PDB file of all heavy atoms in Angstrom:
ATOM      1  N   GLY A   1       3.424 -14.655 -22.883  1.00  0.00           N
ATOM      2  CA  GLY A   1       2.815 -15.759 -22.117  1.00  0.00           C
ATOM      3  C   GLY A   1       2.805 -15.517 -20.597  1.00  0.00           C
ATOM      4  O   GLY A   1       2.436 -16.421 -19.842  1.00  0.00           O
ATOM      5  N   ALA A   2       2.998 -14.297 -20.172  1.00  0.00           N
ATOM      6  CA  ALA A   2       2.916 -13.997 -18.709  1.00  0.00           C
ATOM      7  C   ALA A   2       1.471 -13.888 -18.286  1.00  0.00           C
ATOM      8  O   ALA A   2       0.600 -13.356 -18.962  1.00  0.00           O
ATOM      9  CB  ALA A   2       3.688 -12.699 -18.423  1.00  0.00           C
ATOM     10  N   GLY A   3       1.190 -14.450 -17.051  1.00  0.00           N
ATOM     11  CA  GLY A   3      -0.148 -14.304 -16.518  1.00  0.00           C
ATOM     12  C   GLY A   3      -0.285 -12.922 -15.787  1.00  0.00           C
ATOM     13  O   GLY A   3       0.557 -12.142 -15.775  1.00  0.00           O
ATOM     14  N   HIS A   4      -1.562 -12.785 -15.285  1.00  0.00           N
ATOM     15  CA  HIS A   4      -1.851 -11.399 -14.752  1.00  0.00           C
ATOM     16  C   HIS A   4      -1.017 -11.169 -13.484  1.00  0.00           C
ATOM     17  O   HIS A   4      -0.564 -10.062 -13.310  1.00  0.00           O
ATOM     18  CB  HIS A   4      -3.321 -11.411 -14.421  1.00  0.00           C
ATOM     19  CG  HIS A   4      -4.225 -11.282 -15.621  1.00  0.00           C
ATOM     20  ND1 HIS A   4      -4.266 -10.208 -16.406  1.00  0.00           N
ATOM     21  CD2 HIS A   4      -5.153 -12.174 -16.119  1.00  0.00           C
ATOM     22  CE1 HIS A   4      -5.123 -10.400 -17.423  1.00  0.00           C
ATOM     23  NE2 HIS A   4      -5.685 -11.546 -17.248  1.00  0.00           N
ATOM     24  N   LEU A   5      -0.859 -12.128 -12.612  1.00  0.00           N
ATOM     25  CA  LEU A   5      -0.110 -11.919 -11.359  1.00  0.00           C
ATOM     26  C   LEU A   5       1.373 -11.581 -11.729  1.00  0.00           C
ATOM     27  O   LEU A   5       2.011 -10.720 -11.069  1.00  0.00           O
ATOM     28  CB  LEU A   5      -0.248 -13.094 -10.454  1.00  0.00           C
ATOM     29  CG  LEU A   5      -1.558 -13.310  -9.723  1.00  0.00           C
ATOM     30  CD1 LEU A   5      -1.559 -14.562  -8.886  1.00  0.00           C
ATOM     31  CD2 LEU A   5      -1.986 -12.081  -8.954  1.00  0.00           C
ATOM     32  N   ARG A   6       1.893 -12.342 -12.611  1.00  0.00           N
ATOM     33  CA  ARG A   6       3.369 -12.067 -12.995  1.00  0.00           C
ATOM     34  C   ARG A   6       3.454 -10.747 -13.649  1.00  0.00           C
ATOM     35  O   ARG A   6       4.409  -9.992 -13.411  1.00  0.00           O
ATOM     36  CB  ARG A   6       3.805 -13.204 -13.913  1.00  0.00           C
ATOM     37  CG  ARG A   6       5.282 -13.044 -14.226  1.00  0.00           C
ATOM     38  CD  ARG A   6       5.766 -14.256 -15.051  1.00  0.00           C
ATOM     39  NE  ARG A   6       7.213 -14.190 -15.316  1.00  0.00           N
ATOM     40  CZ  ARG A   6       7.893 -15.055 -16.040  1.00  0.00           C
ATOM     41  NH1 ARG A   6       7.314 -16.119 -16.590  1.00  0.00           N
ATOM     42  NH2 ARG A   6       9.196 -14.875 -16.223  1.00  0.00           N
ATOM     43  N   THR A   7       2.505 -10.384 -14.520  1.00  0.00           N
ATOM     44  CA  THR A   7       2.523  -9.088 -15.161  1.00  0.00           C
ATOM     45  C   THR A   7       2.465  -7.950 -14.099  1.00  0.00           C
ATOM     46  O   THR A   7       3.161  -6.935 -14.212  1.00  0.00           O
ATOM     47  CB  THR A   7       1.341  -8.940 -16.110  1.00  0.00           C
ATOM     48  OG1 THR A   7       1.481 -10.003 -17.133  1.00  0.00           O
ATOM     49  CG2 THR A   7       1.415  -7.587 -16.838  1.00  0.00           C
ATOM     50  N   LEU A   8       1.561  -8.152 -13.121  1.00  0.00           N
ATOM     51  CA  LEU A   8       1.364  -7.127 -12.099  1.00  0.00           C
ATOM     52  C   LEU A   8       2.667  -6.922 -11.278  1.00  0.00           C
ATOM     53  O   LEU A   8       3.071  -5.821 -11.159  1.00  0.00           O
ATOM     54  CB  LEU A   8       0.199  -7.468 -11.221  1.00  0.00           C
ATOM     55  CG  LEU A   8      -0.028  -6.633  -9.991  1.00  0.00           C
ATOM     56  CD1 LEU A   8      -0.283  -5.174 -10.318  1.00  0.00           C
ATOM     57  CD2 LEU A   8      -1.176  -7.171  -9.126  1.00  0.00           C
ATOM     58  N   PHE A   9       3.186  -7.982 -10.688  1.00  0.00           N
ATOM     59  CA  PHE A   9       4.251  -7.787  -9.756  1.00  0.00           C
ATOM     60  C   PHE A   9       5.653  -7.760 -10.398  1.00  0.00           C
ATOM     61  O   PHE A   9       6.536  -7.190  -9.810  1.00  0.00           O
ATOM     62  CB  PHE A   9       4.255  -9.034  -8.769  1.00  0.00           C
ATOM     63  CG  PHE A   9       3.081  -9.012  -7.836  1.00  0.00           C
ATOM     64  CD1 PHE A   9       2.000  -9.824  -8.106  1.00  0.00           C
ATOM     65  CD2 PHE A   9       3.034  -8.156  -6.826  1.00  0.00           C
ATOM     66  CE1 PHE A   9       0.883  -9.841  -7.208  1.00  0.00           C
ATOM     67  CE2 PHE A   9       1.930  -8.064  -5.933  1.00  0.00           C
ATOM     68  CZ  PHE A   9       0.827  -8.927  -6.107  1.00  0.00           C
ATOM     69  N   GLU A  10       5.809  -8.193 -11.647  1.00  0.00           N
ATOM     70  CA  GLU A  10       7.187  -8.104 -12.211  1.00  0.00           C
ATOM     71  C   GLU A  10       7.276  -7.027 -13.342  1.00  0.00           C
ATOM     72  O   GLU A  10       8.368  -6.550 -13.545  1.00  0.00           O
ATOM     73  CB  GLU A  10       7.500  -9.424 -12.897  1.00  0.00           C
ATOM     74  CG  GLU A  10       7.691 -10.602 -11.853  1.00  0.00           C
ATOM     75  CD  GLU A  10       8.141 -11.883 -12.507  1.00  0.00           C
ATOM     76  OE1 GLU A  10       8.577 -11.852 -13.774  1.00  0.00           O
ATOM     77  OE2 GLU A  10       8.150 -12.961 -11.894  1.00  0.00           O
ATOM     78  N   ILE A  11       6.152  -6.639 -13.905  1.00  0.00           N
ATOM     79  CA  ILE A  11       6.179  -5.596 -14.950  1.00  0.00           C
ATOM     80  C   ILE A  11       5.613  -4.283 -14.514  1.00  0.00           C
ATOM     81  O   ILE A  11       6.298  -3.272 -14.630  1.00  0.00           O
ATOM     82  CB  ILE A  11       5.381  -6.139 -16.229  1.00  0.00           C
ATOM     83  CG1 ILE A  11       5.875  -7.515 -16.676  1.00  0.00           C
ATOM     84  CG2 ILE A  11       5.487  -5.122 -17.350  1.00  0.00           C
ATOM     85  CD1 ILE A  11       7.377  -7.517 -17.113  1.00  0.00           C
ATOM     86  N   VAL A  12       4.384  -4.380 -13.961  1.00  0.00           N
ATOM     87  CA  VAL A  12       3.656  -3.148 -13.639  1.00  0.00           C
ATOM     88  C   VAL A  12       4.160  -2.461 -12.393  1.00  0.00           C
ATOM     89  O   VAL A  12       4.385  -1.268 -12.316  1.00  0.00           O
ATOM     90  CB  VAL A  12       2.155  -3.389 -13.616  1.00  0.00           C
ATOM     91  CG1 VAL A  12       1.387  -2.138 -13.215  1.00  0.00           C
ATOM     92  CG2 VAL A  12       1.639  -3.891 -14.945  1.00  0.00           C
ATOM     93  N   LEU A  13       4.392  -3.300 -11.366  1.00  0.00           N
ATOM     94  CA  LEU A  13       4.721  -2.725 -10.063  1.00  0.00           C
ATOM     95  C   LEU A  13       5.997  -1.856 -10.024  1.00  0.00           C
ATOM     96  O   LEU A  13       6.029  -0.780  -9.473  1.00  0.00           O
ATOM     97  CB  LEU A  13       4.806  -3.886  -9.045  1.00  0.00           C
ATOM     98  CG  LEU A  13       5.196  -3.449  -7.604  1.00  0.00           C
ATOM     99  CD1 LEU A  13       4.177  -2.506  -7.039  1.00  0.00           C
ATOM    100  CD2 LEU A  13       5.337  -4.662  -6.706  1.00  0.00           C
ATOM    101  N   PRO A  14       7.087  -2.332 -10.706  1.00  0.00           N
ATOM    102  CA  PRO A  14       8.254  -1.498 -10.744  1.00  0.00           C
ATOM    103  C   PRO A  14       8.045  -0.138 -11.416  1.00  0.00           C
ATOM    104  O   PRO A  14       8.820   0.787 -11.149  1.00  0.00           O
ATOM    105  CB  PRO A  14       9.347  -2.336 -11.530  1.00  0.00           C
ATOM    106  CG  PRO A  14       8.827  -3.740 -11.349  1.00  0.00           C
ATOM    107  CD  PRO A  14       7.359  -3.668 -11.322  1.00  0.00           C
ATOM    108  N   LEU A  15       7.044  -0.066 -12.312  1.00  0.00           N
ATOM    109  CA  LEU A  15       6.808   1.209 -13.047  1.00  0.00           C
ATOM    110  C   LEU A  15       5.958   2.199 -12.302  1.00  0.00           C
ATOM    111  O   LEU A  15       5.895   3.336 -12.619  1.00  0.00           O
ATOM    112  CB  LEU A  15       6.128   0.834 -14.370  1.00  0.00           C
ATOM    113  CG  LEU A  15       6.906  -0.056 -15.379  1.00  0.00           C
ATOM    114  CD1 LEU A  15       6.024  -0.343 -16.617  1.00  0.00           C
ATOM    115  CD2 LEU A  15       8.167   0.701 -15.798  1.00  0.00           C
ATOM    116  N   VAL A  16       5.283   1.663 -11.234  1.00  0.00           N
ATOM    117  CA  VAL A  16       4.412   2.536 -10.467  1.00  0.00           C
ATOM    118  C   VAL A  16       4.845   2.760  -9.004  1.00  0.00           C
ATOM    119  O   VAL A  16       4.107   3.031  -8.104  1.00  0.00           O
ATOM    120  CB  VAL A  16       2.924   2.045 -10.438  1.00  0.00           C
ATOM    121  CG1 VAL A  16       2.373   2.108 -11.844  1.00  0.00           C
ATOM    122  CG2 VAL A  16       2.905   0.609  -9.863  1.00  0.00           C
ATOM    123  N   ILE A  17       6.189   2.505  -8.787  1.00  0.00           N
ATOM    124  CA  ILE A  17       6.751   2.663  -7.453  1.00  0.00           C
ATOM    125  C   ILE A  17       6.504   4.078  -6.841  1.00  0.00           C
ATOM    126  O   ILE A  17       6.187   4.133  -5.628  1.00  0.00           O
ATOM    127  CB  ILE A  17       8.322   2.351  -7.471  1.00  0.00           C
ATOM    128  CG1 ILE A  17       8.535   0.828  -7.708  1.00  0.00           C
ATOM    129  CG2 ILE A  17       8.977   2.828  -6.194  1.00  0.00           C
ATOM    130  CD1 ILE A  17       7.983   0.008  -6.531  1.00  0.00           C
ATOM    131  N   PRO A  18       6.611   5.165  -7.596  1.00  0.00           N
ATOM    132  CA  PRO A  18       6.290   6.429  -7.018  1.00  0.00           C
ATOM    133  C   PRO A  18       4.889   6.527  -6.418  1.00  0.00           C
ATOM    134  O   PRO A  18       4.764   7.079  -5.327  1.00  0.00           O
ATOM    135  CB  PRO A  18       6.505   7.448  -8.131  1.00  0.00           C
ATOM    136  CG  PRO A  18       7.495   6.781  -9.076  1.00  0.00           C
ATOM    137  CD  PRO A  18       7.144   5.276  -8.970  1.00  0.00           C
ATOM    138  N   TYR A  19       3.926   6.025  -7.102  1.00  0.00           N
ATOM    139  CA  TYR A  19       2.510   6.006  -6.643  1.00  0.00           C
ATOM    140  C   TYR A  19       2.418   5.123  -5.377  1.00  0.00           C
ATOM    141  O   TYR A  19       1.726   5.498  -4.447  1.00  0.00           O
ATOM    142  CB  TYR A  19       1.634   5.541  -7.729  1.00  0.00           C
ATOM    143  CG  TYR A  19       1.600   6.457  -8.987  1.00  0.00           C
ATOM    144  CD1 TYR A  19       2.487   6.208 -10.065  1.00  0.00           C
ATOM    145  CD2 TYR A  19       0.737   7.519  -9.023  1.00  0.00           C
ATOM    146  CE1 TYR A  19       2.441   6.958 -11.167  1.00  0.00           C
ATOM    147  CE2 TYR A  19       0.746   8.337 -10.154  1.00  0.00           C
ATOM    148  CZ  TYR A  19       1.605   8.088 -11.208  1.00  0.00           C
ATOM    149  OH  TYR A  19       1.561   8.821 -12.315  1.00  0.00           O
ATOM    150  N   VAL A  20       3.059   3.991  -5.479  1.00  0.00           N
ATOM    151  CA  VAL A  20       2.950   3.054  -4.385  1.00  0.00           C
ATOM    152  C   VAL A  20       3.638   3.584  -3.149  1.00  0.00           C
ATOM    153  O   VAL A  20       3.098   3.458  -1.999  1.00  0.00           O
ATOM    154  CB  VAL A  20       3.602   1.707  -4.755  1.00  0.00           C
ATOM    155  CG1 VAL A  20       3.830   0.770  -3.567  1.00  0.00           C
ATOM    156  CG2 VAL A  20       2.857   0.956  -5.868  1.00  0.00           C
ATOM    157  N   SER A  21       4.704   4.338  -3.332  1.00  0.00           N
ATOM    158  CA  SER A  21       5.357   4.916  -2.188  1.00  0.00           C
ATOM    159  C   SER A  21       4.542   5.954  -1.485  1.00  0.00           C
ATOM    160  O   SER A  21       4.523   6.047  -0.199  1.00  0.00           O
ATOM    161  CB  SER A  21       6.694   5.581  -2.530  1.00  0.00           C
ATOM    162  OG  SER A  21       6.505   6.664  -3.421  1.00  0.00           O
ATOM    163  N   VAL A  22       3.752   6.725  -2.276  1.00  0.00           N
ATOM    164  CA  VAL A  22       2.805   7.637  -1.647  1.00  0.00           C
ATOM    165  C   VAL A  22       1.702   6.950  -0.812  1.00  0.00           C
ATOM    166  O   VAL A  22       1.374   7.338   0.332  1.00  0.00           O
ATOM    167  CB  VAL A  22       2.153   8.566  -2.727  1.00  0.00           C
ATOM    168  CG1 VAL A  22       1.089   9.490  -2.128  1.00  0.00           C
ATOM    169  CG2 VAL A  22       3.235   9.361  -3.369  1.00  0.00           C
ATOM    170  N   VAL A  23       1.197   5.869  -1.367  1.00  0.00           N
ATOM    171  CA  VAL A  23       0.182   5.094  -0.711  1.00  0.00           C
ATOM    172  C   VAL A  23       0.763   4.505   0.573  1.00  0.00           C
ATOM    173  O   VAL A  23       0.125   4.487   1.679  1.00  0.00           O
ATOM    174  CB  VAL A  23      -0.378   3.981  -1.599  1.00  0.00           C
ATOM    175  CG1 VAL A  23      -1.276   3.051  -0.822  1.00  0.00           C
ATOM    176  CG2 VAL A  23      -1.129   4.581  -2.828  1.00  0.00           C
ATOM    177  N   LEU A  24       1.998   4.037   0.526  1.00  0.00           N
ATOM    178  CA  LEU A  24       2.667   3.430   1.667  1.00  0.00           C
ATOM    179  C   LEU A  24       2.822   4.534   2.802  1.00  0.00           C
ATOM    180  O   LEU A  24       2.524   4.277   3.973  1.00  0.00           O
ATOM    181  CB  LEU A  24       4.004   2.894   1.293  1.00  0.00           C
ATOM    182  CG  LEU A  24       4.010   1.561   0.586  1.00  0.00           C
ATOM    183  CD1 LEU A  24       5.449   1.166   0.161  1.00  0.00           C
ATOM    184  CD2 LEU A  24       3.431   0.433   1.419  1.00  0.00           C
ATOM    185  N   MET A  25       3.318   5.688   2.384  1.00  0.00           N
ATOM    186  CA  MET A  25       3.496   6.716   3.316  1.00  0.00           C
ATOM    187  C   MET A  25       2.167   7.200   4.018  1.00  0.00           C
ATOM    188  O   MET A  25       2.145   7.312   5.292  1.00  0.00           O
ATOM    189  CB  MET A  25       4.158   7.923   2.681  1.00  0.00           C
ATOM    190  CG  MET A  25       4.555   9.059   3.661  1.00  0.00           C
ATOM    191  SD  MET A  25       5.173  10.527   2.842  1.00  0.00           S
ATOM    192  CE  MET A  25       3.685  11.133   2.084  1.00  0.00           C
ATOM    193  N   PHE A  26       1.109   7.337   3.267  1.00  0.00           N
ATOM    194  CA  PHE A  26      -0.124   7.742   3.853  1.00  0.00           C
ATOM    195  C   PHE A  26      -0.672   6.679   4.734  1.00  0.00           C
ATOM    196  O   PHE A  26      -1.219   6.911   5.823  1.00  0.00           O
ATOM    197  CB  PHE A  26      -1.138   8.004   2.725  1.00  0.00           C
ATOM    198  CG  PHE A  26      -0.943   9.334   1.992  1.00  0.00           C
ATOM    199  CD1 PHE A  26      -1.461   9.545   0.749  1.00  0.00           C
ATOM    200  CD2 PHE A  26      -0.186  10.279   2.591  1.00  0.00           C
ATOM    201  CE1 PHE A  26      -1.253  10.719   0.076  1.00  0.00           C
ATOM    202  CE2 PHE A  26       0.061  11.492   1.949  1.00  0.00           C
ATOM    203  CZ  PHE A  26      -0.455  11.703   0.670  1.00  0.00           C
ATOM    204  N   SER A  27      -0.467   5.365   4.434  1.00  0.00           N
ATOM    205  CA  SER A  27      -0.950   4.289   5.191  1.00  0.00           C
ATOM    206  C   SER A  27      -0.265   4.199   6.468  1.00  0.00           C
ATOM    207  O   SER A  27      -0.767   4.081   7.602  1.00  0.00           O
ATOM    208  CB  SER A  27      -0.806   2.996   4.424  1.00  0.00           C
ATOM    209  OG  SER A  27      -1.628   2.954   3.261  1.00  0.00           O
ATOM    210  N   VAL A  28       1.080   4.364   6.498  1.00  0.00           N
ATOM    211  CA  VAL A  28       1.909   4.319   7.645  1.00  0.00           C
ATOM    212  C   VAL A  28       1.558   5.484   8.630  1.00  0.00           C
ATOM    213  O   VAL A  28       1.373   5.255   9.818  1.00  0.00           O
ATOM    214  CB  VAL A  28       3.451   4.358   7.318  1.00  0.00           C
ATOM    215  CG1 VAL A  28       4.294   4.582   8.543  1.00  0.00           C
ATOM    216  CG2 VAL A  28       3.837   3.065   6.612  1.00  0.00           C
ATOM    217  N   ILE A  29       1.482   6.649   8.099  1.00  0.00           N
ATOM    218  CA  ILE A  29       1.095   7.827   8.931  1.00  0.00           C
ATOM    219  C   ILE A  29      -0.303   7.676   9.538  1.00  0.00           C
ATOM    220  O   ILE A  29      -0.476   7.980  10.742  1.00  0.00           O
ATOM    221  CB  ILE A  29       1.204   9.178   8.099  1.00  0.00           C
ATOM    222  CG1 ILE A  29       2.662   9.418   7.698  1.00  0.00           C
ATOM    223  CG2 ILE A  29       0.656  10.320   8.929  1.00  0.00           C
ATOM    224  CD1 ILE A  29       2.865  10.553   6.845  1.00  0.00           C
ATOM    225  N   THR A  30      -1.275   7.206   8.731  1.00  0.00           N
ATOM    226  CA  THR A  30      -2.597   7.036   9.223  1.00  0.00           C
ATOM    227  C   THR A  30      -2.680   6.033  10.335  1.00  0.00           C
ATOM    228  O   THR A  30      -3.305   6.301  11.373  1.00  0.00           O
ATOM    229  CB  THR A  30      -3.529   6.604   8.066  1.00  0.00           C
ATOM    230  OG1 THR A  30      -3.557   7.573   7.011  1.00  0.00           O
ATOM    231  CG2 THR A  30      -4.935   6.433   8.576  1.00  0.00           C
ATOM    232  N   GLN A  31      -2.049   4.900  10.191  1.00  0.00           N
ATOM    233  CA  GLN A  31      -2.109   3.850  11.176  1.00  0.00           C
ATOM    234  C   GLN A  31      -1.249   4.219  12.446  1.00  0.00           C
ATOM    235  O   GLN A  31      -1.661   3.924  13.529  1.00  0.00           O
ATOM    236  CB  GLN A  31      -1.674   2.524  10.577  1.00  0.00           C
ATOM    237  CG  GLN A  31      -1.751   1.341  11.531  1.00  0.00           C
ATOM    238  CD  GLN A  31      -3.184   1.068  12.035  1.00  0.00           C
ATOM    239  OE1 GLN A  31      -4.139   1.410  11.366  1.00  0.00           O
ATOM    240  NE2 GLN A  31      -3.295   0.476  13.147  1.00  0.00           N
ATOM    241  N   TRP A  32      -0.084   4.803  12.196  1.00  0.00           N
ATOM    242  CA  TRP A  32       0.776   5.138  13.282  1.00  0.00           C
ATOM    243  C   TRP A  32       0.125   6.162  14.250  1.00  0.00           C
ATOM    244  O   TRP A  32       0.253   6.031  15.499  1.00  0.00           O
ATOM    245  CB  TRP A  32       2.063   5.674  12.810  1.00  0.00           C
ATOM    246  CG  TRP A  32       3.099   5.886  13.876  1.00  0.00           C
ATOM    247  CD1 TRP A  32       3.257   6.974  14.638  1.00  0.00           C
ATOM    248  CD2 TRP A  32       4.052   4.991  14.330  1.00  0.00           C
ATOM    249  NE1 TRP A  32       4.271   6.801  15.488  1.00  0.00           N
ATOM    250  CE2 TRP A  32       4.798   5.594  15.346  1.00  0.00           C
ATOM    251  CE3 TRP A  32       4.382   3.674  13.946  1.00  0.00           C
ATOM    252  CZ2 TRP A  32       5.815   4.881  16.043  1.00  0.00           C
ATOM    253  CZ3 TRP A  32       5.456   2.978  14.631  1.00  0.00           C
ATOM    254  CH2 TRP A  32       6.102   3.650  15.607  1.00  0.00           C
ATOM    255  N   ASN A  33      -0.592   7.144  13.707  1.00  0.00           N
ATOM    256  CA  ASN A  33      -1.219   8.167  14.455  1.00  0.00           C
ATOM    257  C   ASN A  33      -2.654   7.854  14.912  1.00  0.00           C
ATOM    258  O   ASN A  33      -3.280   8.709  15.604  1.00  0.00           O
ATOM    259  CB  ASN A  33      -1.237   9.504  13.706  1.00  0.00           C
ATOM    260  CG  ASN A  33       0.098  10.050  13.517  1.00  0.00           C
ATOM    261  OD1 ASN A  33       1.017   9.814  14.330  1.00  0.00           O
ATOM    262  ND2 ASN A  33       0.390  10.696  12.378  1.00  0.00           N
ATOM    263  N   SER A  34      -3.187   6.724  14.493  1.00  0.00           N
ATOM    264  CA  SER A  34      -4.566   6.302  14.811  1.00  0.00           C
ATOM    265  C   SER A  34      -4.798   5.995  16.258  1.00  0.00           C
ATOM    266  O   SER A  34      -4.117   5.117  16.787  1.00  0.00           O
ATOM    267  CB  SER A  34      -5.024   5.183  13.878  1.00  0.00           C
ATOM    268  OG  SER A  34      -6.335   4.777  14.226  1.00  0.00           O
ATOM    269  N   TRP A  35      -5.750   6.650  16.885  1.00  0.00           N
ATOM    270  CA  TRP A  35      -6.062   6.330  18.267  1.00  0.00           C
ATOM    271  C   TRP A  35      -7.560   6.201  18.462  1.00  0.00           C
ATOM    272  O   TRP A  35      -8.055   5.629  19.413  1.00  0.00           O
ATOM    273  CB  TRP A  35      -5.559   7.471  19.210  1.00  0.00           C
ATOM    274  CG  TRP A  35      -6.189   8.762  18.951  1.00  0.00           C
ATOM    275  CD1 TRP A  35      -5.714   9.734  18.132  1.00  0.00           C
ATOM    276  CD2 TRP A  35      -7.342   9.350  19.528  1.00  0.00           C
ATOM    277  NE1 TRP A  35      -6.516  10.820  18.135  1.00  0.00           N
ATOM    278  CE2 TRP A  35      -7.563  10.622  19.007  1.00  0.00           C
ATOM    279  CE3 TRP A  35      -8.328   8.779  20.412  1.00  0.00           C
ATOM    280  CZ2 TRP A  35      -8.653  11.394  19.297  1.00  0.00           C
ATOM    281  CZ3 TRP A  35      -9.440   9.565  20.715  1.00  0.00           C
ATOM    282  CH2 TRP A  35      -9.527  10.866  20.199  1.00  0.00           C
ATOM    283  N   MET A  36      -8.358   6.722  17.526  1.00  0.00           N
ATOM    284  CA  MET A  36      -9.792   6.669  17.636  1.00  0.00           C
ATOM    285  C   MET A  36     -10.340   5.247  17.513  1.00  0.00           C
ATOM    286  O   MET A  36     -11.076   4.833  18.343  1.00  0.00           O
ATOM    287  CB  MET A  36     -10.460   7.600  16.575  1.00  0.00           C
ATOM    288  CG  MET A  36     -11.952   7.589  16.611  1.00  0.00           C
ATOM    289  SD  MET A  36     -12.652   8.174  18.190  1.00  0.00           S
ATOM    290  CE  MET A  36     -12.350   9.923  17.966  1.00  0.00           C
ATOM    291  N   LEU A  37      -9.869   4.553  16.487  1.00  0.00           N
ATOM    292  CA  LEU A  37     -10.377   3.175  16.323  1.00  0.00           C
ATOM    293  C   LEU A  37      -9.938   2.260  17.439  1.00  0.00           C
ATOM    294  O   LEU A  37     -10.769   1.485  17.998  1.00  0.00           O
ATOM    295  CB  LEU A  37      -9.935   2.573  14.963  1.00  0.00           C
ATOM    296  CG  LEU A  37     -10.565   3.159  13.729  1.00  0.00           C
ATOM    297  CD1 LEU A  37     -10.004   2.447  12.506  1.00  0.00           C
ATOM    298  CD2 LEU A  37     -12.037   2.992  13.781  1.00  0.00           C
ATOM    299  N   PRO A  38      -8.667   2.371  17.928  1.00  0.00           N
ATOM    300  CA  PRO A  38      -8.369   1.449  19.095  1.00  0.00           C
ATOM    301  C   PRO A  38      -9.156   1.883  20.383  1.00  0.00           C
ATOM    302  O   PRO A  38      -9.532   0.973  21.160  1.00  0.00           O
ATOM    303  CB  PRO A  38      -6.875   1.844  19.301  1.00  0.00           C
ATOM    304  CG  PRO A  38      -6.347   2.208  18.004  1.00  0.00           C
ATOM    305  CD  PRO A  38      -7.514   2.936  17.334  1.00  0.00           C
ATOM    306  N   LYS A  39      -9.476   3.115  20.487  1.00  0.00           N
ATOM    307  CA  LYS A  39     -10.245   3.552  21.663  1.00  0.00           C
ATOM    308  C   LYS A  39     -11.636   3.004  21.602  1.00  0.00           C
ATOM    309  O   LYS A  39     -12.299   2.673  22.676  1.00  0.00           O
ATOM    310  CB  LYS A  39     -10.264   5.080  21.783  1.00  0.00           C
ATOM    311  CG  LYS A  39     -10.949   5.599  23.071  1.00  0.00           C
ATOM    312  CD  LYS A  39     -10.783   7.065  23.168  1.00  0.00           C
ATOM    313  CE  LYS A  39     -11.489   7.591  24.428  1.00  0.00           C
ATOM    314  NZ  LYS A  39     -11.012   6.987  25.659  1.00  0.00           N
ATOM    315  N   ILE A  40     -12.217   2.892  20.370  1.00  0.00           N
ATOM    316  CA  ILE A  40     -13.573   2.365  20.231  1.00  0.00           C
ATOM    317  C   ILE A  40     -13.624   0.895  20.321  1.00  0.00           C
ATOM    318  O   ILE A  40     -14.522   0.343  20.964  1.00  0.00           O
ATOM    319  CB  ILE A  40     -14.157   2.897  18.861  1.00  0.00           C
ATOM    320  CG1 ILE A  40     -14.289   4.404  18.840  1.00  0.00           C
ATOM    321  CG2 ILE A  40     -15.494   2.221  18.578  1.00  0.00           C
ATOM    322  CD1 ILE A  40     -14.709   4.982  17.567  1.00  0.00           C
ATOM    323  N   TYR A  41     -12.657   0.235  19.688  1.00  0.00           N
ATOM    324  CA  TYR A  41     -12.822  -1.229  19.528  1.00  0.00           C
ATOM    325  C   TYR A  41     -12.040  -2.072  20.574  1.00  0.00           C
ATOM    326  O   TYR A  41     -12.225  -3.215  20.708  1.00  0.00           O
ATOM    327  CB  TYR A  41     -12.289  -1.643  18.147  1.00  0.00           C
ATOM    328  CG  TYR A  41     -13.172  -1.146  17.018  1.00  0.00           C
ATOM    329  CD1 TYR A  41     -12.626  -0.411  16.018  1.00  0.00           C
ATOM    330  CD2 TYR A  41     -14.513  -1.521  16.975  1.00  0.00           C
ATOM    331  CE1 TYR A  41     -13.397   0.076  15.005  1.00  0.00           C
ATOM    332  CE2 TYR A  41     -15.310  -1.045  15.930  1.00  0.00           C
ATOM    333  CZ  TYR A  41     -14.747  -0.269  14.976  1.00  0.00           C
ATOM    334  OH  TYR A  41     -15.494   0.222  13.938  1.00  0.00           O
ATOM    335  N   LEU A  42     -11.107  -1.433  21.297  1.00  0.00           N
ATOM    336  CA  LEU A  42     -10.326  -2.155  22.340  1.00  0.00           C
ATOM    337  C   LEU A  42     -10.674  -1.689  23.734  1.00  0.00           C
ATOM    338  O   LEU A  42     -10.568  -0.450  24.042  1.00  0.00           O
ATOM    339  CB  LEU A  42      -8.804  -1.957  22.112  1.00  0.00           C
ATOM    340  CG  LEU A  42      -8.280  -2.377  20.760  1.00  0.00           C
ATOM    341  CD1 LEU A  42      -6.806  -2.139  20.704  1.00  0.00           C
ATOM    342  CD2 LEU A  42      -8.573  -3.887  20.559  1.00  0.00           C
TER     343      LEU A  42
END
């Protein structure tokens, strides 16, 4: 009887933590080192 959101965040998410950690690391590094977009838009 679990809905999609509960299934995603309580069942699926703990099983894909390694993949999520890679996405998190790439996102952090990309944004931390980003200077081109701020130079264009700010």
